[in-house]
Amino acid sequence: MDKGYSSLVASHAATEELEASVQRWCINYLAKSLNVPGKLIDPNAKFARLGVDSASSIFFLMDLEEWLAIELPANLVFEYPTVAQLARYIARHFNNEAARGRG
């Protein structure tokens, strides 16, 4: 098998794994902070619809930054307004950053 192809497959799998992990973390965080069962958090619902306002989004992002040990732009929840979109962005963006650092 082509080494480049296997690296691409491994990178894709790592991205998917990171995306799922970020999504789980976000759902657990929101369930706890909104005091609702995690199964009621729809990853495709907009943060505003879930009850996340601008003030709570700041705390959300600060805790997410701490968990990931990375810095995130303050307006991220407005650019990526659902858990699914945010997790996908973080996984793709930061997995690509890590791949560039290895290259």
PDB file of N, CA and C in Angstrom:
ATOM      1  N   MET A   1       0.852  -1.185   0.000  1.00  0.00           N
ATOM      2  CA  MET A   1       0.000   0.000   0.000  1.00  0.00           C
ATOM      3  C   MET A   1       0.890   1.238   0.000  1.00  0.00           C
ATOM      4  N   ASP A   2       0.501   2.233  -0.738  1.00  0.00           N
ATOM      5  CA  ASP A   2       1.215   3.501  -0.826  1.00  0.00           C
ATOM      6  C   ASP A   2       1.298   4.156   0.549  1.00  0.00           C
ATOM      7  N   LYS A   3       2.528   4.545   0.946  1.00  0.00           N
ATOM      8  CA  LYS A   3       2.733   5.152   2.262  1.00  0.00           C
ATOM      9  C   LYS A   3       1.942   6.452   2.403  1.00  0.00           C
ATOM     10  N   GLY A   4       1.875   7.242   1.335  1.00  0.00           N
ATOM     11  CA  GLY A   4       1.107   8.487   1.357  1.00  0.00           C
ATOM     12  C   GLY A   4      -0.372   8.227   1.585  1.00  0.00           C
ATOM     13  N   TYR A   5      -0.893   7.187   0.948  1.00  0.00           N
ATOM     14  CA  TYR A   5      -2.301   6.841   1.105  1.00  0.00           C
ATOM     15  C   TYR A   5      -2.588   6.394   2.530  1.00  0.00           C
ATOM     16  N   SER A   6      -1.723   5.558   3.096  1.00  0.00           N
ATOM     17  CA  SER A   6      -1.962   5.089   4.457  1.00  0.00           C
ATOM     18  C   SER A   6      -1.868   6.238   5.450  1.00  0.00           C
ATOM     19  N   SER A   7      -1.002   7.215   5.198  1.00  0.00           N
ATOM     20  CA  SER A   7      -0.924   8.407   6.052  1.00  0.00           C
ATOM     21  C   SER A   7      -2.211   9.214   5.960  1.00  0.00           C
ATOM     22  N   LEU A   8      -2.744   9.315   4.737  1.00  0.00           N
ATOM     23  CA  LEU A   8      -3.992  10.045   4.532  1.00  0.00           C
ATOM     24  C   LEU A   8      -5.139   9.357   5.267  1.00  0.00           C
ATOM     25  N   VAL A   9      -5.211   8.042   5.169  1.00  0.00           N
ATOM     26  CA  VAL A   9      -6.258   7.280   5.847  1.00  0.00           C
ATOM     27  C   VAL A   9      -6.118   7.448   7.360  1.00  0.00           C
ATOM     28  N   ALA A  10      -4.885   7.358   7.872  1.00  0.00           N
ATOM     29  CA  ALA A  10      -4.649   7.526   9.306  1.00  0.00           C
ATOM     30  C   ALA A  10      -5.036   8.929   9.741  1.00  0.00           C
ATOM     31  N   SER A  11      -4.705   9.920   8.923  1.00  0.00           N
ATOM     32  CA  SER A  11      -5.045  11.304   9.243  1.00  0.00           C
ATOM     33  C   SER A  11      -6.555  11.497   9.258  1.00  0.00           C
ATOM     34  N   HIS A  12      -7.245  10.903   8.287  1.00  0.00           N
ATOM     35  CA  HIS A  12      -8.708  11.005   8.225  1.00  0.00           C
ATOM     36  C   HIS A  12      -9.341  10.352   9.449  1.00  0.00           C
ATOM     37  N   ALA A  13      -8.826   9.190   9.828  1.00  0.00           N
ATOM     38  CA  ALA A  13      -9.355   8.489  11.008  1.00  0.00           C
ATOM     39  C   ALA A  13      -9.112   9.308  12.267  1.00  0.00           C
ATOM     40  N   ALA A  14      -7.937   9.938  12.366  1.00  0.00           N
ATOM     41  CA  ALA A  14      -7.627  10.779  13.524  1.00  0.00           C
ATOM     42  C   ALA A  14      -8.558  11.978  13.574  1.00  0.00           C
ATOM     43  N   THR A  15      -8.853  12.549  12.413  1.00  0.00           N
ATOM     44  CA  THR A  15      -9.763  13.695  12.351  1.00  0.00           C
ATOM     45  C   THR A  15     -11.156  13.284  12.805  1.00  0.00           C
ATOM     46  N   GLU A  16     -11.640  12.150  12.318  1.00  0.00           N
ATOM     47  CA  GLU A  16     -12.967  11.669  12.719  1.00  0.00           C
ATOM     48  C   GLU A  16     -13.020  11.369  14.209  1.00  0.00           C
ATOM     49  N   GLU A  17     -11.950  10.794  14.735  1.00  0.00           N
ATOM     50  CA  GLU A  17     -11.902  10.475  16.166  1.00  0.00           C
ATOM     51  C   GLU A  17     -11.900  11.754  17.005  1.00  0.00           C
ATOM     52  N   LEU A  18     -11.129  12.739  16.580  1.00  0.00           N
ATOM     53  CA  LEU A  18     -11.101  14.015  17.295  1.00  0.00           C
ATOM     54  C   LEU A  18     -12.460  14.700  17.217  1.00  0.00           C
ATOM     55  N   GLU A  19     -13.084  14.672  16.054  1.00  0.00           N
ATOM     56  CA  GLU A  19     -14.407  15.287  15.894  1.00  0.00           C
ATOM     57  C   GLU A  19     -15.421  14.651  16.841  1.00  0.00           C
ATOM     58  N   ALA A  20     -15.434  13.337  16.917  1.00  0.00           N
ATOM     59  CA  ALA A  20     -16.367  12.635  17.807  1.00  0.00           C
ATOM     60  C   ALA A  20     -16.071  12.964  19.266  1.00  0.00           C
ATOM     61  N   SER A  21     -14.810  13.043  19.606  1.00  0.00           N
ATOM     62  CA  SER A  21     -14.418  13.346  20.975  1.00  0.00           C
ATOM     63  C   SER A  21     -14.834  14.763  21.373  1.00  0.00           C
ATOM     64  N   VAL A  22     -14.605  15.720  20.481  1.00  0.00           N
ATOM     65  CA  VAL A  22     -15.004  17.110  20.751  1.00  0.00           C
ATOM     66  C   VAL A  22     -16.519  17.204  20.861  1.00  0.00           C
ATOM     67  N   GLN A  23     -17.218  16.502  19.987  1.00  0.00           N
ATOM     68  CA  GLN A  23     -18.681  16.529  20.031  1.00  0.00           C
ATOM     69  C   GLN A  23     -19.196  15.963  21.355  1.00  0.00           C
ATOM     70  N   ARG A  24     -18.629  14.851  21.804  1.00  0.00           N
ATOM     71  CA  ARG A  24     -19.037  14.270  23.096  1.00  0.00           C
ATOM     72  C   ARG A  24     -18.767  15.240  24.240  1.00  0.00           C
ATOM     73  N   TRP A  25     -17.581  15.864  24.217  1.00  0.00           N
ATOM     74  CA  TRP A  25     -17.227  16.807  25.282  1.00  0.00           C
ATOM     75  C   TRP A  25     -18.234  17.961  25.307  1.00  0.00           C
ATOM     76  N   CYS A  26     -18.539  18.512  24.138  1.00  0.00           N
ATOM     77  CA  CYS A  26     -19.475  19.645  24.046  1.00  0.00           C
ATOM     78  C   CYS A  26     -20.857  19.257  24.564  1.00  0.00           C
ATOM     79  N   ILE A  27     -21.337  18.101  24.166  1.00  0.00           N
ATOM     80  CA  ILE A  27     -22.663  17.651  24.610  1.00  0.00           C
ATOM     81  C   ILE A  27     -22.674  17.465  26.120  1.00  0.00           C
ATOM     82  N   ASN A  28     -21.637  16.834  26.656  1.00  0.00           N
ATOM     83  CA  ASN A  28     -21.560  16.640  28.115  1.00  0.00           C
ATOM     84  C   ASN A  28     -21.488  17.975  28.844  1.00  0.00           C
ATOM     85  N   TYR A  29     -20.691  18.896  28.329  1.00  0.00           N
ATOM     86  CA  TYR A  29     -20.557  20.219  28.940  1.00  0.00           C
ATOM     87  C   TYR A  29     -21.901  20.946  28.936  1.00  0.00           C
ATOM     88  N   LEU A  30     -22.558  20.973  27.782  1.00  0.00           N
ATOM     89  CA  LEU A  30     -23.836  21.677  27.664  1.00  0.00           C
ATOM     90  C   LEU A  30     -24.910  21.029  28.530  1.00  0.00           C
ATOM     91  N   ALA A  31     -24.931  19.713  28.570  1.00  0.00           N
ATOM     92  CA  ALA A  31     -25.919  19.020  29.405  1.00  0.00           C
ATOM     93  C   ALA A  31     -25.737  19.416  30.864  1.00  0.00           C
ATOM     94  N   LYS A  32     -24.492  19.445  31.309  1.00  0.00           N
ATOM     95  CA  LYS A  32     -24.214  19.806  32.696  1.00  0.00           C
ATOM     96  C   LYS A  32     -24.553  21.275  32.967  1.00  0.00           C
ATOM     97  N   SER A  33     -24.106  22.161  32.086  1.00  0.00           N
ATOM     98  CA  SER A  33     -24.328  23.591  32.331  1.00  0.00           C
ATOM     99  C   SER A  33     -25.787  24.005  32.153  1.00  0.00           C
ATOM    100  N   LEU A  34     -26.519  23.314  31.287  1.00  0.00           N
ATOM    101  CA  LEU A  34     -27.932  23.629  31.062  1.00  0.00           C
ATOM    102  C   LEU A  34     -28.853  22.777  31.932  1.00  0.00           C
ATOM    103  N   ASN A  35     -28.239  21.842  32.675  1.00  0.00           N
ATOM    104  CA  ASN A  35     -28.971  20.971  33.589  1.00  0.00           C
ATOM    105  C   ASN A  35     -30.058  20.155  32.873  1.00  0.00           C
ATOM    106  N   VAL A  36     -29.640  19.521  31.768  1.00  0.00           N
ATOM    107  CA  VAL A  36     -30.534  18.641  31.014  1.00  0.00           C
ATOM    108  C   VAL A  36     -29.778  17.354  30.681  1.00  0.00           C
ATOM    109  N   PRO A  37     -30.482  16.254  30.444  1.00  0.00           N
ATOM    110  CA  PRO A  37     -29.798  15.020  30.049  1.00  0.00           C
ATOM    111  C   PRO A  37     -29.084  15.199  28.702  1.00  0.00           C
ATOM    112  N   GLY A  38     -27.904  14.623  28.585  1.00  0.00           N
ATOM    113  CA  GLY A  38     -27.123  14.731  27.353  1.00  0.00           C
ATOM    114  C   GLY A  38     -27.864  14.250  26.121  1.00  0.00           C
ATOM    115  N   LYS A  39     -28.725  13.253  26.301  1.00  0.00           N
ATOM    116  CA  LYS A  39     -29.457  12.728  25.138  1.00  0.00           C
ATOM    117  C   LYS A  39     -30.436  13.757  24.558  1.00  0.00           C
ATOM    118  N   LEU A  40     -30.719  14.820  25.318  1.00  0.00           N
ATOM    119  CA  LEU A  40     -31.604  15.872  24.812  1.00  0.00           C
ATOM    120  C   LEU A  40     -30.854  16.966  24.056  1.00  0.00           C
ATOM    121  N   ILE A  41     -29.527  16.890  24.051  1.00  0.00           N
ATOM    122  CA  ILE A  41     -28.729  17.880  23.331  1.00  0.00           C
ATOM    123  C   ILE A  41     -28.557  17.400  21.898  1.00  0.00           C
ATOM    124  N   ASP A  42     -29.210  18.075  20.981  1.00  0.00           N
ATOM    125  CA  ASP A  42     -29.104  17.744  19.559  1.00  0.00           C
ATOM    126  C   ASP A  42     -27.843  18.411  19.011  1.00  0.00           C
ATOM    127  N   PRO A  43     -26.873  17.640  18.522  1.00  0.00           N
ATOM    128  CA  PRO A  43     -25.637  18.239  18.024  1.00  0.00           C
ATOM    129  C   PRO A  43     -25.837  19.136  16.804  1.00  0.00           C
ATOM    130  N   ASN A  44     -27.014  19.045  16.178  1.00  0.00           N
ATOM    131  CA  ASN A  44     -27.298  19.885  15.015  1.00  0.00           C
ATOM    132  C   ASN A  44     -28.175  21.088  15.344  1.00  0.00           C
ATOM    133  N   ALA A  45     -28.536  21.230  16.621  1.00  0.00           N
ATOM    134  CA  ALA A  45     -29.324  22.401  17.044  1.00  0.00           C
ATOM    135  C   ALA A  45     -28.376  23.579  17.254  1.00  0.00           C
ATOM    136  N   LYS A  46     -28.850  24.749  16.910  1.00  0.00           N
ATOM    137  CA  LYS A  46     -28.027  25.948  17.102  1.00  0.00           C
ATOM    138  C   LYS A  46     -27.837  26.204  18.597  1.00  0.00           C
ATOM    139  N   PHE A  47     -26.644  26.711  18.930  1.00  0.00           N
ATOM    140  CA  PHE A  47     -26.341  27.000  20.334  1.00  0.00           C
ATOM    141  C   PHE A  47     -27.407  27.898  20.949  1.00  0.00           C
ATOM    142  N   ALA A  48     -27.847  28.912  20.222  1.00  0.00           N
ATOM    143  CA  ALA A  48     -28.862  29.836  20.743  1.00  0.00           C
ATOM    144  C   ALA A  48     -30.149  29.094  21.078  1.00  0.00           C
ATOM    145  N   ARG A  49     -30.525  28.148  20.251  1.00  0.00           N
ATOM    146  CA  ARG A  49     -31.746  27.361  20.498  1.00  0.00           C
ATOM    147  C   ARG A  49     -31.603  26.483  21.741  1.00  0.00           C
ATOM    148  N   LEU A  50     -30.368  26.072  22.018  1.00  0.00           N
ATOM    149  CA  LEU A  50     -30.105  25.252  23.202  1.00  0.00           C
ATOM    150  C   LEU A  50     -30.076  26.087  24.480  1.00  0.00           C
ATOM    151  N   GLY A  51     -30.044  27.418  24.339  1.00  0.00           N
ATOM    152  CA  GLY A  51     -30.014  28.284  25.508  1.00  0.00           C
ATOM    153  C   GLY A  51     -28.648  28.869  25.811  1.00  0.00           C
ATOM    154  N   VAL A  52     -27.718  28.738  24.856  1.00  0.00           N
ATOM    155  CA  VAL A  52     -26.379  29.302  25.035  1.00  0.00           C
ATOM    156  C   VAL A  52     -26.406  30.739  24.534  1.00  0.00           C
ATOM    157  N   ASP A  53     -26.182  31.685  25.461  1.00  0.00           N
ATOM    158  CA  ASP A  53     -26.129  33.090  25.071  1.00  0.00           C
ATOM    159  C   ASP A  53     -24.665  33.517  24.950  1.00  0.00           C
ATOM    160  N   SER A  54     -24.448  34.794  24.652  1.00  0.00           N
ATOM    161  CA  SER A  54     -23.074  35.261  24.427  1.00  0.00           C
ATOM    162  C   SER A  54     -22.212  35.120  25.676  1.00  0.00           C
ATOM    163  N   ALA A  55     -22.778  35.356  26.845  1.00  0.00           N
ATOM    164  CA  ALA A  55     -22.004  35.231  28.087  1.00  0.00           C
ATOM    165  C   ALA A  55     -21.633  33.772  28.349  1.00  0.00           C
ATOM    166  N   SER A  56     -22.595  32.873  28.234  1.00  0.00           N
ATOM    167  CA  SER A  56     -22.291  31.464  28.505  1.00  0.00           C
ATOM    168  C   SER A  56     -21.387  30.867  27.424  1.00  0.00           C
ATOM    169  N   SER A  57     -21.432  31.416  26.209  1.00  0.00           N
ATOM    170  CA  SER A  57     -20.554  30.914  25.152  1.00  0.00           C
ATOM    171  C   SER A  57     -19.087  31.210  25.469  1.00  0.00           C
ATOM    172  N   ILE A  58     -18.833  32.297  26.181  1.00  0.00           N
ATOM    173  CA  ILE A  58     -17.460  32.634  26.568  1.00  0.00           C
ATOM    174  C   ILE A  58     -16.918  31.581  27.533  1.00  0.00           C
ATOM    175  N   PHE A  59     -17.717  31.219  28.533  1.00  0.00           N
ATOM    176  CA  PHE A  59     -17.291  30.190  29.484  1.00  0.00           C
ATOM    177  C   PHE A  59     -17.125  28.841  28.790  1.00  0.00           C
ATOM    178  N   PHE A  60     -18.053  28.550  27.894  1.00  0.00           N
ATOM    179  CA  PHE A  60     -17.999  27.316  27.116  1.00  0.00           C
ATOM    180  C   PHE A  60     -16.680  27.236  26.348  1.00  0.00           C
ATOM    181  N   LEU A  61     -16.341  28.304  25.629  1.00  0.00           N
ATOM    182  CA  LEU A  61     -15.109  28.307  24.840  1.00  0.00           C
ATOM    183  C   LEU A  61     -13.861  28.267  25.717  1.00  0.00           C
ATOM    184  N   MET A  62     -13.902  28.966  26.846  1.00  0.00           N
ATOM    185  CA  MET A  62     -12.751  28.943  27.762  1.00  0.00           C
ATOM    186  C   MET A  62     -12.501  27.524  28.274  1.00  0.00           C
ATOM    187  N   ASP A  63     -13.562  26.826  28.653  1.00  0.00           N
ATOM    188  CA  ASP A  63     -13.410  25.456  29.143  1.00  0.00           C
ATOM    189  C   ASP A  63     -12.989  24.511  28.014  1.00  0.00           C
ATOM    190  N   LEU A  64     -13.509  24.741  26.819  1.00  0.00           N
ATOM    191  CA  LEU A  64     -13.121  23.932  25.668  1.00  0.00           C
ATOM    192  C   LEU A  64     -11.639  24.142  25.347  1.00  0.00           C
ATOM    193  N   GLU A  65     -11.204  25.386  25.393  1.00  0.00           N
ATOM    194  CA  GLU A  65      -9.778  25.688  25.182  1.00  0.00           C
ATOM    195  C   GLU A  65      -8.909  24.962  26.205  1.00  0.00           C
ATOM    196  N   GLU A  66      -9.335  25.003  27.437  1.00  0.00           N
ATOM    197  CA  GLU A  66      -8.570  24.344  28.500  1.00  0.00           C
ATOM    198  C   GLU A  66      -8.514  22.838  28.273  1.00  0.00           C
ATOM    199  N   TRP A  67      -9.636  22.242  27.909  1.00  0.00           N
ATOM    200  CA  TRP A  67      -9.694  20.807  27.666  1.00  0.00           C
ATOM    201  C   TRP A  67      -8.803  20.409  26.486  1.00  0.00           C
ATOM    202  N   LEU A  68      -8.838  21.217  25.423  1.00  0.00           N
ATOM    203  CA  LEU A  68      -8.058  20.914  24.222  1.00  0.00           C
ATOM    204  C   LEU A  68      -6.609  21.395  24.312  1.00  0.00           C
ATOM    205  N   ALA A  69      -6.342  22.303  25.252  1.00  0.00           N
ATOM    206  CA  ALA A  69      -5.020  22.925  25.400  1.00  0.00           C
ATOM    207  C   ALA A  69      -4.623  23.682  24.131  1.00  0.00           C
ATOM    208  N   ILE A  70      -5.606  24.416  23.590  1.00  0.00           N
ATOM    209  CA  ILE A  70      -5.380  25.261  22.417  1.00  0.00           C
ATOM    210  C   ILE A  70      -6.124  26.574  22.620  1.00  0.00           C
ATOM    211  N   GLU A  71      -5.791  27.556  21.812  1.00  0.00           N
ATOM    212  CA  GLU A  71      -6.497  28.830  21.855  1.00  0.00           C
ATOM    213  C   GLU A  71      -7.513  28.862  20.715  1.00  0.00           C
ATOM    214  N   LEU A  72      -8.723  29.300  21.046  1.00  0.00           N
ATOM    215  CA  LEU A  72      -9.797  29.373  20.050  1.00  0.00           C
ATOM    216  C   LEU A  72     -10.263  30.815  19.890  1.00  0.00           C
ATOM    217  N   PRO A  73     -10.674  31.195  18.684  1.00  0.00           N
ATOM    218  CA  PRO A  73     -11.229  32.541  18.485  1.00  0.00           C
ATOM    219  C   PRO A  73     -12.523  32.722  19.287  1.00  0.00           C
ATOM    220  N   ALA A  74     -12.727  33.906  19.821  1.00  0.00           N
ATOM    221  CA  ALA A  74     -13.881  34.189  20.683  1.00  0.00           C
ATOM    222  C   ALA A  74     -15.216  34.074  19.945  1.00  0.00           C
ATOM    223  N   ASN A  75     -15.223  34.271  18.651  1.00  0.00           N
ATOM    224  CA  ASN A  75     -16.473  34.253  17.885  1.00  0.00           C
ATOM    225  C   ASN A  75     -16.783  32.888  17.267  1.00  0.00           C
ATOM    226  N   LEU A  76     -16.100  31.855  17.696  1.00  0.00           N
ATOM    227  CA  LEU A  76     -16.239  30.533  17.075  1.00  0.00           C
ATOM    228  C   LEU A  76     -17.659  29.976  17.130  1.00  0.00           C
ATOM    229  N   VAL A  77     -18.370  30.179  18.237  1.00  0.00           N
ATOM    230  CA  VAL A  77     -19.733  29.627  18.325  1.00  0.00           C
ATOM    231  C   VAL A  77     -20.708  30.375  17.420  1.00  0.00           C
ATOM    232  N   PHE A  78     -20.330  31.552  16.954  1.00  0.00           N
ATOM    233  CA  PHE A  78     -21.182  32.276  16.013  1.00  0.00           C
ATOM    234  C   PHE A  78     -20.870  31.867  14.580  1.00  0.00           C
ATOM    235  N   GLU A  79     -19.612  31.550  14.313  1.00  0.00           N
ATOM    236  CA  GLU A  79     -19.222  31.075  12.979  1.00  0.00           C
ATOM    237  C   GLU A  79     -19.637  29.626  12.756  1.00  0.00           C
ATOM    238  N   TYR A  80     -19.594  28.833  13.813  1.00  0.00           N
ATOM    239  CA  TYR A  80     -19.967  27.418  13.761  1.00  0.00           C
ATOM    240  C   TYR A  80     -21.035  27.205  14.831  1.00  0.00           C
ATOM    241  N   PRO A  81     -22.304  27.500  14.502  1.00  0.00           N
ATOM    242  CA  PRO A  81     -23.359  27.638  15.523  1.00  0.00           C
ATOM    243  C   PRO A  81     -23.992  26.353  16.043  1.00  0.00           C
ATOM    244  N   THR A  82     -23.430  25.200  15.723  1.00  0.00           N
ATOM    245  CA  THR A  82     -23.942  23.952  16.295  1.00  0.00           C
ATOM    246  C   THR A  82     -22.767  23.143  16.832  1.00  0.00           C
ATOM    247  N   VAL A  83     -23.063  22.216  17.722  1.00  0.00           N
ATOM    248  CA  VAL A  83     -22.020  21.333  18.259  1.00  0.00           C
ATOM    249  C   VAL A  83     -21.352  20.572  17.114  1.00  0.00           C
ATOM    250  N   ALA A  84     -22.139  20.044  16.194  1.00  0.00           N
ATOM    251  CA  ALA A  84     -21.598  19.258  15.081  1.00  0.00           C
ATOM    252  C   ALA A  84     -20.665  20.102  14.211  1.00  0.00           C
ATOM    253  N   GLN A  85     -21.086  21.318  13.875  1.00  0.00           N
ATOM    254  CA  GLN A  85     -20.252  22.183  13.034  1.00  0.00           C
ATOM    255  C   GLN A  85     -18.971  22.588  13.758  1.00  0.00           C
ATOM    256  N   LEU A  86     -19.083  22.920  15.036  1.00  0.00           N
ATOM    257  CA  LEU A  86     -17.924  23.321  15.823  1.00  0.00           C
ATOM    258  C   LEU A  86     -16.933  22.167  15.950  1.00  0.00           C
ATOM    259  N   ALA A  87     -17.418  20.984  16.270  1.00  0.00           N
ATOM    260  CA  ALA A  87     -16.545  19.816  16.411  1.00  0.00           C
ATOM    261  C   ALA A  87     -15.847  19.492  15.094  1.00  0.00           C
ATOM    262  N   ARG A  88     -16.574  19.582  13.992  1.00  0.00           N
ATOM    263  CA  ARG A  88     -15.989  19.314  12.667  1.00  0.00           C
ATOM    264  C   ARG A  88     -14.893  20.327  12.357  1.00  0.00           C
ATOM    265  N   TYR A  89     -15.169  21.606  12.609  1.00  0.00           N
ATOM    266  CA  TYR A  89     -14.167  22.643  12.367  1.00  0.00           C
ATOM    267  C   TYR A  89     -12.908  22.388  13.200  1.00  0.00           C
ATOM    268  N   ILE A  90     -13.086  22.173  14.492  1.00  0.00           N
ATOM    269  CA  ILE A  90     -11.933  21.980  15.376  1.00  0.00           C
ATOM    270  C   ILE A  90     -11.123  20.765  14.932  1.00  0.00           C
ATOM    271  N   ALA A  91     -11.779  19.669  14.653  1.00  0.00           N
ATOM    272  CA  ALA A  91     -11.077  18.450  14.256  1.00  0.00           C
ATOM    273  C   ALA A  91     -10.300  18.655  12.964  1.00  0.00           C
ATOM    274  N   ARG A  92     -10.925  19.235  11.976  1.00  0.00           N
ATOM    275  CA  ARG A  92     -10.251  19.430  10.683  1.00  0.00           C
ATOM    276  C   ARG A  92      -9.140  20.460  10.789  1.00  0.00           C
ATOM    277  N   HIS A  93      -9.431  21.577  11.415  1.00  0.00           N
ATOM    278  CA  HIS A  93      -8.451  22.656  11.502  1.00  0.00           C
ATOM    279  C   HIS A  93      -7.219  22.222  12.291  1.00  0.00           C
ATOM    280  N   PHE A  94      -7.419  21.660  13.462  1.00  0.00           N
ATOM    281  CA  PHE A  94      -6.284  21.356  14.317  1.00  0.00           C
ATOM    282  C   PHE A  94      -5.579  20.068  13.922  1.00  0.00           C
ATOM    283  N   ASN A  95      -6.269  19.139  13.286  1.00  0.00           N
ATOM    284  CA  ASN A  95      -5.586  17.964  12.762  1.00  0.00           C
ATOM    285  C   ASN A  95      -4.707  18.366  11.579  1.00  0.00           C
ATOM    286  N   ASN A  96      -5.184  19.298  10.750  1.00  0.00           N
ATOM    287  CA  ASN A  96      -4.379  19.809   9.638  1.00  0.00           C
ATOM    288  C   ASN A  96      -3.163  20.571  10.157  1.00  0.00           C
ATOM    289  N   GLU A  97      -3.354  21.358  11.218  1.00  0.00           N
ATOM    290  CA  GLU A  97      -2.226  22.080  11.834  1.00  0.00           C
ATOM    291  C   GLU A  97      -1.184  21.101  12.333  1.00  0.00           C
ATOM    292  N   ALA A  98      -1.629  20.034  12.987  1.00  0.00           N
ATOM    293  CA  ALA A  98      -0.703  19.039  13.522  1.00  0.00           C
ATOM    294  C   ALA A  98       0.035  18.333  12.382  1.00  0.00           C
ATOM    295  N   ALA A  99      -0.669  18.047  11.290  1.00  0.00           N
ATOM    296  CA  ALA A  99      -0.042  17.383  10.142  1.00  0.00           C
ATOM    297  C   ALA A  99       1.011  18.291   9.513  1.00  0.00           C
ATOM    298  N   ARG A 100       0.733  19.581   9.414  1.00  0.00           N
ATOM    299  CA  ARG A 100       1.714  20.517   8.859  1.00  0.00           C
ATOM    300  C   ARG A 100       2.953  20.585   9.756  1.00  0.00           C
ATOM    301  N   GLY A 101       2.753  20.490  11.066  1.00  0.00           N
ATOM    302  CA  GLY A 101       3.865  20.528  12.000  1.00  0.00           C
ATOM    303  C   GLY A 101       4.763  19.314  11.884  1.00  0.00           C
ATOM    304  N   ARG A 102       4.164  18.168  11.464  1.00  0.00           N
ATOM    305  CA  ARG A 102       4.950  16.935  11.294  1.00  0.00           C
ATOM    306  C   ARG A 102       5.711  16.937   9.997  1.00  0.00           C
ATOM    307  N   GLY A 103       5.175  17.691   9.004  1.00  0.00           N
ATOM    308  CA  GLY A 103       5.761  17.653   7.660  1.00  0.00           C
ATOM    309  C   GLY A 103       6.972  18.424   7.589  1.00  0.00           C
TER     310      GLY A 103
END
